[in-house]
N, C-alpha and C. Protein backbone atom coordinates (compact mmCIF):
# COMPACT_ATOMS: atom_id res chain seq x y z
N MET A 1 -6.58 -16.11 -26.05
CA MET A 1 -5.44 -15.31 -26.44
C MET A 1 -5.60 -13.87 -25.98
N SER A 2 -6.80 -13.35 -25.98
CA SER A 2 -7.01 -11.96 -25.57
C SER A 2 -6.70 -11.77 -24.08
N ASP A 3 -6.81 -12.84 -23.29
CA ASP A 3 -6.48 -12.74 -21.88
C ASP A 3 -5.01 -12.43 -21.65
N ASP A 4 -4.13 -12.89 -22.55
CA ASP A 4 -2.70 -12.64 -22.42
C ASP A 4 -2.39 -11.15 -22.44
N LYS A 5 -3.16 -10.36 -23.17
CA LYS A 5 -2.92 -8.92 -23.25
C LYS A 5 -3.19 -8.23 -21.92
N ASN A 6 -4.03 -8.81 -21.08
CA ASN A 6 -4.39 -8.20 -19.81
C ASN A 6 -3.48 -8.62 -18.66
N LEU A 7 -2.59 -9.57 -18.89
CA LEU A 7 -1.69 -10.03 -17.83
C LEU A 7 -0.59 -9.00 -17.57
N LYS A 8 -0.29 -8.79 -16.30
CA LYS A 8 0.80 -7.90 -15.92
C LYS A 8 2.08 -8.72 -15.86
N PRO A 9 3.23 -8.10 -16.13
CA PRO A 9 4.49 -8.83 -16.02
C PRO A 9 4.70 -9.34 -14.59
N VAL A 10 5.42 -10.43 -14.47
CA VAL A 10 5.64 -11.06 -13.17
C VAL A 10 6.22 -10.10 -12.13
N PRO A 11 7.24 -9.27 -12.44
CA PRO A 11 7.76 -8.37 -11.41
C PRO A 11 6.69 -7.43 -10.84
N VAL A 12 5.76 -7.00 -11.66
CA VAL A 12 4.68 -6.13 -11.19
C VAL A 12 3.79 -6.89 -10.22
N ARG A 13 3.45 -8.13 -10.55
CA ARG A 13 2.60 -8.93 -9.66
C ARG A 13 3.32 -9.26 -8.36
N LYS A 14 4.65 -9.47 -8.42
CA LYS A 14 5.41 -9.74 -7.20
C LYS A 14 5.39 -8.51 -6.28
N ARG A 15 5.48 -7.33 -6.87
CA ARG A 15 5.44 -6.10 -6.08
C ARG A 15 4.03 -5.87 -5.54
N THR A 16 3.01 -6.18 -6.33
CA THR A 16 1.63 -6.06 -5.85
C THR A 16 1.41 -6.97 -4.65
N ALA A 17 1.93 -8.18 -4.73
CA ALA A 17 1.81 -9.11 -3.60
C ALA A 17 2.53 -8.56 -2.37
N ALA A 18 3.68 -7.93 -2.57
CA ALA A 18 4.41 -7.33 -1.46
C ALA A 18 3.61 -6.19 -0.84
N ARG A 19 2.97 -5.40 -1.68
CA ARG A 19 2.14 -4.29 -1.18
C ARG A 19 0.99 -4.82 -0.34
N LEU A 20 0.35 -5.84 -0.84
CA LEU A 20 -0.76 -6.45 -0.11
C LEU A 20 -0.28 -6.96 1.25
N GLY A 21 0.88 -7.60 1.26
CA GLY A 21 1.44 -8.08 2.51
C GLY A 21 1.76 -6.96 3.48
N ALA A 22 2.33 -5.88 3.00
CA ALA A 22 2.67 -4.74 3.86
C ALA A 22 1.41 -4.11 4.45
N ILE A 23 0.36 -4.02 3.65
CA ILE A 23 -0.92 -3.49 4.15
C ILE A 23 -1.44 -4.41 5.26
N GLN A 24 -1.38 -5.72 5.03
CA GLN A 24 -1.89 -6.66 6.03
C GLN A 24 -1.08 -6.59 7.32
N VAL A 25 0.24 -6.47 7.20
CA VAL A 25 1.09 -6.39 8.38
C VAL A 25 0.80 -5.10 9.16
N ASN A 26 0.66 -3.99 8.46
CA ASN A 26 0.36 -2.72 9.12
C ASN A 26 -0.99 -2.78 9.82
N TYR A 27 -1.96 -3.39 9.15
CA TYR A 27 -3.29 -3.56 9.75
C TYR A 27 -3.18 -4.39 11.03
N GLU A 28 -2.46 -5.49 10.95
CA GLU A 28 -2.32 -6.37 12.11
C GLU A 28 -1.65 -5.67 13.27
N ILE A 29 -0.60 -4.93 13.00
CA ILE A 29 0.10 -4.19 14.05
C ILE A 29 -0.84 -3.19 14.71
N GLY A 30 -1.64 -2.52 13.91
CA GLY A 30 -2.59 -1.56 14.44
C GLY A 30 -3.68 -2.18 15.28
N MET A 31 -4.03 -3.40 14.98
CA MET A 31 -5.11 -4.08 15.70
C MET A 31 -4.62 -4.85 16.93
N THR A 32 -3.36 -5.30 16.90
CA THR A 32 -2.89 -6.19 17.96
C THR A 32 -1.71 -5.66 18.75
N ASP A 33 -1.10 -4.60 18.31
CA ASP A 33 0.12 -4.07 18.94
C ASP A 33 1.29 -5.06 18.87
N LYS A 34 1.22 -5.99 17.92
CA LYS A 34 2.34 -6.91 17.68
C LYS A 34 3.51 -6.09 17.16
N ASN A 35 4.73 -6.52 17.43
CA ASN A 35 5.87 -5.76 16.90
C ASN A 35 6.09 -6.11 15.43
N LEU A 36 6.78 -5.21 14.75
CA LEU A 36 6.97 -5.33 13.30
C LEU A 36 7.66 -6.63 12.91
N LYS A 37 8.74 -6.96 13.59
CA LYS A 37 9.50 -8.16 13.23
C LYS A 37 8.62 -9.41 13.33
N ASP A 38 7.88 -9.54 14.41
CA ASP A 38 7.02 -10.72 14.57
C ASP A 38 5.91 -10.76 13.53
N ALA A 39 5.31 -9.60 13.25
CA ALA A 39 4.22 -9.56 12.27
C ALA A 39 4.73 -9.91 10.87
N MET A 40 5.91 -9.39 10.53
CA MET A 40 6.48 -9.68 9.21
C MET A 40 6.85 -11.16 9.10
N THR A 41 7.48 -11.68 10.13
CA THR A 41 7.87 -13.10 10.13
C THR A 41 6.64 -13.99 10.00
N GLN A 42 5.60 -13.67 10.75
CA GLN A 42 4.37 -14.46 10.68
C GLN A 42 3.75 -14.40 9.28
N PHE A 43 3.73 -13.21 8.69
CA PHE A 43 3.18 -13.09 7.35
C PHE A 43 4.00 -13.91 6.36
N LEU A 44 5.32 -13.75 6.39
CA LEU A 44 6.17 -14.47 5.43
C LEU A 44 6.08 -15.98 5.63
N THR A 45 5.95 -16.43 6.87
CA THR A 45 5.88 -17.86 7.16
C THR A 45 4.53 -18.47 6.80
N HIS A 46 3.45 -17.77 7.10
CA HIS A 46 2.14 -18.39 7.00
C HIS A 46 1.25 -17.90 5.84
N TYR A 47 1.50 -16.70 5.33
CA TYR A 47 0.56 -16.13 4.37
C TYR A 47 1.16 -15.73 3.03
N ALA A 48 2.45 -15.46 2.99
CA ALA A 48 3.08 -14.95 1.76
C ALA A 48 2.91 -15.91 0.59
N SER A 49 3.01 -17.20 0.84
CA SER A 49 2.87 -18.16 -0.27
C SER A 49 1.45 -18.15 -0.83
N ASP A 50 0.45 -17.95 0.02
CA ASP A 50 -0.93 -17.86 -0.47
C ASP A 50 -1.14 -16.61 -1.31
N VAL A 51 -0.59 -15.50 -0.85
CA VAL A 51 -0.70 -14.25 -1.61
C VAL A 51 0.02 -14.38 -2.94
N ALA A 52 1.22 -14.96 -2.92
CA ALA A 52 1.97 -15.17 -4.16
C ALA A 52 1.19 -16.06 -5.12
N SER A 53 0.59 -17.10 -4.60
CA SER A 53 -0.21 -17.99 -5.44
C SER A 53 -1.36 -17.25 -6.10
N GLU A 54 -2.03 -16.38 -5.32
CA GLU A 54 -3.14 -15.59 -5.87
C GLU A 54 -2.66 -14.66 -6.99
N MET A 55 -1.41 -14.23 -6.92
CA MET A 55 -0.84 -13.33 -7.93
C MET A 55 -0.13 -14.09 -9.05
N ASP A 56 -0.18 -15.41 -8.98
CA ASP A 56 0.47 -16.26 -9.99
C ASP A 56 1.98 -16.02 -10.08
N VAL A 57 2.63 -15.89 -8.92
CA VAL A 57 4.08 -15.78 -8.86
C VAL A 57 4.60 -16.77 -7.83
N LYS A 58 5.88 -17.11 -7.94
CA LYS A 58 6.46 -18.07 -7.00
C LYS A 58 6.62 -17.47 -5.61
N LYS A 59 7.05 -16.20 -5.56
CA LYS A 59 7.29 -15.53 -4.28
C LYS A 59 6.89 -14.07 -4.42
N ILE A 60 6.56 -13.46 -3.29
CA ILE A 60 6.34 -12.03 -3.30
C ILE A 60 7.71 -11.34 -3.39
N ASP A 61 7.71 -10.07 -3.70
CA ASP A 61 8.94 -9.29 -3.72
C ASP A 61 9.28 -8.97 -2.26
N GLU A 62 10.08 -9.84 -1.63
CA GLU A 62 10.36 -9.71 -0.20
C GLU A 62 11.13 -8.43 0.12
N GLY A 63 11.98 -7.99 -0.77
CA GLY A 63 12.71 -6.75 -0.55
C GLY A 63 11.75 -5.57 -0.45
N HIS A 64 10.80 -5.51 -1.36
CA HIS A 64 9.81 -4.43 -1.34
C HIS A 64 8.91 -4.56 -0.11
N PHE A 65 8.50 -5.78 0.19
CA PHE A 65 7.68 -6.03 1.38
C PHE A 65 8.37 -5.54 2.64
N ASN A 66 9.65 -5.91 2.80
CA ASN A 66 10.40 -5.53 4.00
C ASN A 66 10.55 -4.02 4.10
N GLU A 67 10.95 -3.40 2.99
CA GLU A 67 11.17 -1.95 2.99
C GLU A 67 9.87 -1.19 3.25
N LEU A 68 8.82 -1.58 2.56
CA LEU A 68 7.54 -0.88 2.70
C LEU A 68 6.95 -1.08 4.10
N SER A 69 7.00 -2.29 4.61
CA SER A 69 6.47 -2.55 5.95
C SER A 69 7.20 -1.72 7.00
N ALA A 70 8.51 -1.66 6.89
CA ALA A 70 9.31 -0.88 7.85
C ALA A 70 9.02 0.61 7.72
N LEU A 71 8.94 1.11 6.49
CA LEU A 71 8.63 2.53 6.29
C LEU A 71 7.26 2.90 6.87
N MET A 72 6.29 2.05 6.66
CA MET A 72 4.94 2.34 7.15
C MET A 72 4.91 2.51 8.66
N LEU A 73 5.71 1.73 9.36
CA LEU A 73 5.74 1.83 10.82
C LEU A 73 6.68 2.94 11.28
N ASP A 74 7.89 2.98 10.72
CA ASP A 74 8.89 3.96 11.13
C ASP A 74 8.45 5.40 10.83
N LYS A 75 7.74 5.60 9.76
CA LYS A 75 7.33 6.94 9.32
C LYS A 75 5.83 7.18 9.54
N GLN A 76 5.21 6.38 10.39
CA GLN A 76 3.76 6.45 10.56
C GLN A 76 3.26 7.84 10.93
N THR A 77 3.93 8.51 11.84
CA THR A 77 3.49 9.85 12.26
C THR A 77 3.53 10.81 11.07
N GLU A 78 4.59 10.77 10.31
CA GLU A 78 4.72 11.63 9.13
C GLU A 78 3.68 11.29 8.07
N LEU A 79 3.47 10.01 7.84
CA LEU A 79 2.48 9.58 6.86
C LEU A 79 1.08 9.99 7.29
N ASP A 80 0.76 9.78 8.56
CA ASP A 80 -0.56 10.14 9.07
C ASP A 80 -0.80 11.65 8.99
N GLU A 81 0.23 12.43 9.20
CA GLU A 81 0.10 13.89 9.09
C GLU A 81 -0.22 14.29 7.65
N LEU A 82 0.47 13.69 6.69
CA LEU A 82 0.18 13.97 5.28
C LEU A 82 -1.25 13.59 4.92
N ILE A 83 -1.70 12.46 5.42
CA ILE A 83 -3.08 12.01 5.17
C ILE A 83 -4.06 12.98 5.82
N SER A 84 -3.82 13.33 7.07
CA SER A 84 -4.72 14.24 7.81
C SER A 84 -4.87 15.58 7.10
N GLN A 85 -3.77 16.09 6.56
CA GLN A 85 -3.80 17.38 5.87
C GLN A 85 -4.68 17.37 4.62
N ARG A 86 -4.91 16.20 4.06
CA ARG A 86 -5.67 16.11 2.81
C ARG A 86 -7.11 15.63 3.01
N LEU A 87 -7.51 15.41 4.25
CA LEU A 87 -8.89 14.99 4.52
C LEU A 87 -9.81 16.20 4.47
N GLU A 88 -11.03 15.97 4.05
CA GLU A 88 -12.04 17.03 4.00
C GLU A 88 -12.40 17.45 5.42
N ASP A 89 -12.98 18.65 5.54
CA ASP A 89 -13.45 19.12 6.85
C ASP A 89 -14.42 18.11 7.45
N GLY A 90 -14.32 17.92 8.74
CA GLY A 90 -15.18 16.98 9.43
C GLY A 90 -14.62 15.57 9.49
N TRP A 91 -13.54 15.33 8.76
CA TRP A 91 -12.92 14.01 8.77
C TRP A 91 -11.64 14.07 9.59
N SER A 92 -11.36 13.00 10.28
CA SER A 92 -10.09 12.86 10.98
C SER A 92 -9.55 11.46 10.67
N ILE A 93 -8.30 11.29 10.94
CA ILE A 93 -7.67 10.00 10.67
C ILE A 93 -8.32 8.88 11.49
N ASP A 94 -8.86 9.24 12.65
CA ASP A 94 -9.52 8.25 13.51
C ASP A 94 -10.82 7.72 12.90
N ARG A 95 -11.42 8.46 11.98
CA ARG A 95 -12.66 8.03 11.34
C ARG A 95 -12.44 7.06 10.19
N LEU A 96 -11.20 6.94 9.74
CA LEU A 96 -10.93 6.09 8.58
C LEU A 96 -10.99 4.61 8.97
N ALA A 97 -11.48 3.80 8.05
CA ALA A 97 -11.45 2.35 8.25
C ALA A 97 -9.98 1.91 8.30
N ARG A 98 -9.68 0.98 9.18
CA ARG A 98 -8.29 0.54 9.38
C ARG A 98 -7.62 0.06 8.08
N HIS A 99 -8.36 -0.71 7.27
CA HIS A 99 -7.74 -1.22 6.04
C HIS A 99 -7.49 -0.08 5.05
N GLU A 100 -8.35 0.93 5.04
CA GLU A 100 -8.12 2.06 4.15
C GLU A 100 -6.94 2.90 4.65
N LEU A 101 -6.82 3.06 5.96
CA LEU A 101 -5.69 3.79 6.53
C LEU A 101 -4.38 3.07 6.21
N SER A 102 -4.35 1.76 6.35
CA SER A 102 -3.14 0.99 6.02
C SER A 102 -2.80 1.12 4.55
N THR A 103 -3.81 1.12 3.70
CA THR A 103 -3.59 1.28 2.26
C THR A 103 -3.03 2.66 1.96
N LEU A 104 -3.61 3.68 2.59
CA LEU A 104 -3.11 5.04 2.38
C LEU A 104 -1.67 5.18 2.87
N ARG A 105 -1.35 4.62 4.00
CA ARG A 105 0.02 4.69 4.52
C ARG A 105 1.01 4.06 3.54
N ALA A 106 0.64 2.92 3.00
CA ALA A 106 1.52 2.24 2.05
C ALA A 106 1.73 3.08 0.80
N ALA A 107 0.66 3.60 0.25
CA ALA A 107 0.75 4.41 -0.97
C ALA A 107 1.59 5.66 -0.74
N ILE A 108 1.35 6.34 0.37
CA ILE A 108 2.07 7.58 0.67
C ILE A 108 3.54 7.28 0.95
N ALA A 109 3.83 6.17 1.61
CA ALA A 109 5.22 5.78 1.85
C ALA A 109 5.95 5.60 0.52
N GLU A 110 5.30 4.95 -0.44
CA GLU A 110 5.93 4.77 -1.74
C GLU A 110 6.11 6.11 -2.45
N LEU A 111 5.09 6.95 -2.40
CA LEU A 111 5.19 8.26 -3.06
C LEU A 111 6.32 9.10 -2.47
N LYS A 112 6.45 9.08 -1.17
CA LYS A 112 7.42 9.94 -0.49
C LYS A 112 8.83 9.37 -0.49
N PHE A 113 8.96 8.08 -0.29
CA PHE A 113 10.28 7.51 -0.05
C PHE A 113 10.80 6.59 -1.16
N MET A 114 10.01 6.37 -2.20
CA MET A 114 10.44 5.51 -3.30
C MET A 114 10.22 6.23 -4.63
N PRO A 115 11.02 7.26 -4.88
CA PRO A 115 10.81 8.07 -6.09
C PRO A 115 11.04 7.33 -7.40
N HIS A 116 11.67 6.18 -7.35
CA HIS A 116 11.91 5.39 -8.56
C HIS A 116 10.63 4.72 -9.08
N ILE A 117 9.58 4.68 -8.25
CA ILE A 117 8.32 4.08 -8.69
C ILE A 117 7.41 5.22 -9.19
N PRO A 118 6.92 5.13 -10.41
CA PRO A 118 6.08 6.21 -10.95
C PRO A 118 4.81 6.44 -10.13
N ALA A 119 4.49 7.69 -9.92
CA ALA A 119 3.32 8.07 -9.12
C ALA A 119 2.03 7.48 -9.68
N LYS A 120 1.88 7.52 -10.98
CA LYS A 120 0.64 7.01 -11.58
C LYS A 120 0.50 5.51 -11.38
N ALA A 121 1.62 4.81 -11.36
CA ALA A 121 1.58 3.36 -11.09
C ALA A 121 1.16 3.12 -9.64
N ILE A 122 1.66 3.94 -8.73
CA ILE A 122 1.31 3.81 -7.32
C ILE A 122 -0.19 4.06 -7.14
N ILE A 123 -0.68 5.12 -7.73
CA ILE A 123 -2.11 5.47 -7.61
C ILE A 123 -2.97 4.33 -8.14
N SER A 124 -2.63 3.83 -9.30
CA SER A 124 -3.41 2.75 -9.92
C SER A 124 -3.39 1.48 -9.08
N GLU A 125 -2.21 1.11 -8.60
CA GLU A 125 -2.08 -0.11 -7.80
C GLU A 125 -2.91 -0.05 -6.52
N TYR A 126 -2.82 1.08 -5.83
CA TYR A 126 -3.52 1.17 -4.55
C TYR A 126 -5.02 1.34 -4.73
N ALA A 127 -5.45 1.88 -5.85
CA ALA A 127 -6.89 1.90 -6.14
C ALA A 127 -7.37 0.46 -6.32
N SER A 128 -6.59 -0.35 -7.02
CA SER A 128 -6.95 -1.76 -7.22
C SER A 128 -6.95 -2.53 -5.90
N LEU A 129 -5.96 -2.28 -5.07
CA LEU A 129 -5.90 -2.97 -3.78
C LEU A 129 -7.06 -2.55 -2.88
N THR A 130 -7.42 -1.28 -2.93
CA THR A 130 -8.57 -0.81 -2.15
C THR A 130 -9.83 -1.51 -2.61
N ASP A 131 -9.97 -1.67 -3.90
CA ASP A 131 -11.13 -2.37 -4.45
C ASP A 131 -11.14 -3.82 -4.00
N ALA A 132 -9.97 -4.44 -3.95
CA ALA A 132 -9.88 -5.84 -3.50
C ALA A 132 -10.33 -5.98 -2.05
N TYR A 133 -10.07 -4.96 -1.23
CA TYR A 133 -10.50 -4.96 0.16
C TYR A 133 -11.93 -4.46 0.32
N GLN A 134 -12.56 -4.16 -0.79
CA GLN A 134 -13.93 -3.60 -0.80
C GLN A 134 -13.99 -2.29 -0.03
N GLY A 135 -12.91 -1.51 -0.17
CA GLY A 135 -12.86 -0.19 0.44
C GLY A 135 -13.46 0.85 -0.50
N ASP A 136 -13.45 2.08 -0.06
CA ASP A 136 -13.98 3.19 -0.83
C ASP A 136 -12.90 3.67 -1.80
N VAL A 137 -12.94 3.14 -3.01
CA VAL A 137 -11.90 3.40 -4.01
C VAL A 137 -11.82 4.89 -4.34
N LYS A 138 -12.96 5.54 -4.54
CA LYS A 138 -12.95 6.96 -4.89
C LYS A 138 -12.30 7.79 -3.80
N PHE A 139 -12.63 7.49 -2.56
CA PHE A 139 -12.08 8.23 -1.42
C PHE A 139 -10.57 8.04 -1.34
N VAL A 140 -10.12 6.80 -1.33
CA VAL A 140 -8.69 6.49 -1.21
C VAL A 140 -7.93 7.07 -2.41
N ASN A 141 -8.47 6.91 -3.59
CA ASN A 141 -7.83 7.43 -4.80
C ASN A 141 -7.69 8.95 -4.73
N ALA A 142 -8.72 9.63 -4.24
CA ALA A 142 -8.68 11.10 -4.14
C ALA A 142 -7.58 11.55 -3.18
N ILE A 143 -7.46 10.88 -2.04
CA ILE A 143 -6.43 11.25 -1.06
C ILE A 143 -5.04 11.00 -1.64
N ILE A 144 -4.84 9.85 -2.24
CA ILE A 144 -3.53 9.54 -2.83
C ILE A 144 -3.20 10.53 -3.93
N ASP A 145 -4.17 10.86 -4.76
CA ASP A 145 -3.95 11.81 -5.84
C ASP A 145 -3.56 13.18 -5.29
N ARG A 146 -4.27 13.67 -4.28
CA ARG A 146 -3.95 14.97 -3.68
C ARG A 146 -2.52 14.99 -3.12
N ILE A 147 -2.15 13.91 -2.45
CA ILE A 147 -0.82 13.86 -1.85
C ILE A 147 0.25 13.71 -2.93
N SER A 148 -0.04 12.95 -3.97
CA SER A 148 0.94 12.79 -5.05
C SER A 148 1.22 14.12 -5.74
N ARG A 149 0.22 14.97 -5.83
CA ARG A 149 0.41 16.29 -6.45
C ARG A 149 1.26 17.20 -5.59
N LYS A 150 1.31 16.93 -4.30
CA LYS A 150 2.19 17.69 -3.40
C LYS A 150 3.60 17.12 -3.40
N LEU A 151 3.72 15.80 -3.35
CA LEU A 151 5.03 15.16 -3.23
C LEU A 151 5.76 15.01 -4.56
N ARG A 152 5.00 14.89 -5.63
CA ARG A 152 5.59 14.66 -6.95
C ARG A 152 5.13 15.76 -7.92
N ILE A 153 5.42 17.00 -7.57
CA ILE A 153 4.92 18.15 -8.32
C ILE A 153 5.26 18.07 -9.80
N VAL A 154 6.51 17.82 -10.12
CA VAL A 154 6.93 17.79 -11.53
C VAL A 154 6.29 16.62 -12.25
N GLU A 155 6.34 15.47 -11.63
CA GLU A 155 5.80 14.26 -12.26
C GLU A 155 4.30 14.33 -12.49
N MET A 156 3.57 14.98 -11.59
CA MET A 156 2.12 15.01 -11.67
C MET A 156 1.56 16.25 -12.38
N SER A 157 2.46 17.14 -12.85
CA SER A 157 1.94 18.34 -13.53
C SER A 157 1.71 18.11 -14.99
């Protein structure tokens, strides 16, 4: 019974699955130069059901997946500039692990272009996703937090 208290509502898990998919698509595009439409179609056809199953939902939130995946690619230069501005001296975007860069792009896209999603929820979700990828959670969390304080001044004060 105590496990029930730790379960997230289904819509949250569907959005988490969509985020994971968008990160994977962005990673794939960066590694293979595949176009967005093909990468998204391939993910939805071959992998989305597995991700949904892992999240205990019937389907991922395809609307969020589509919007986030497109934003990550369409706004990549802007997102990368925001990330670069918040890196410590001696760091450049080229030094970041690809999966961490994809995670940062997704989080920053949501912070900048999806104001209806609370900043603290975005920070928490992407810290969890970074942990799932065995990324540097403290590093990714710090960058997202710094950027959220710039983009969501009122909300984060």
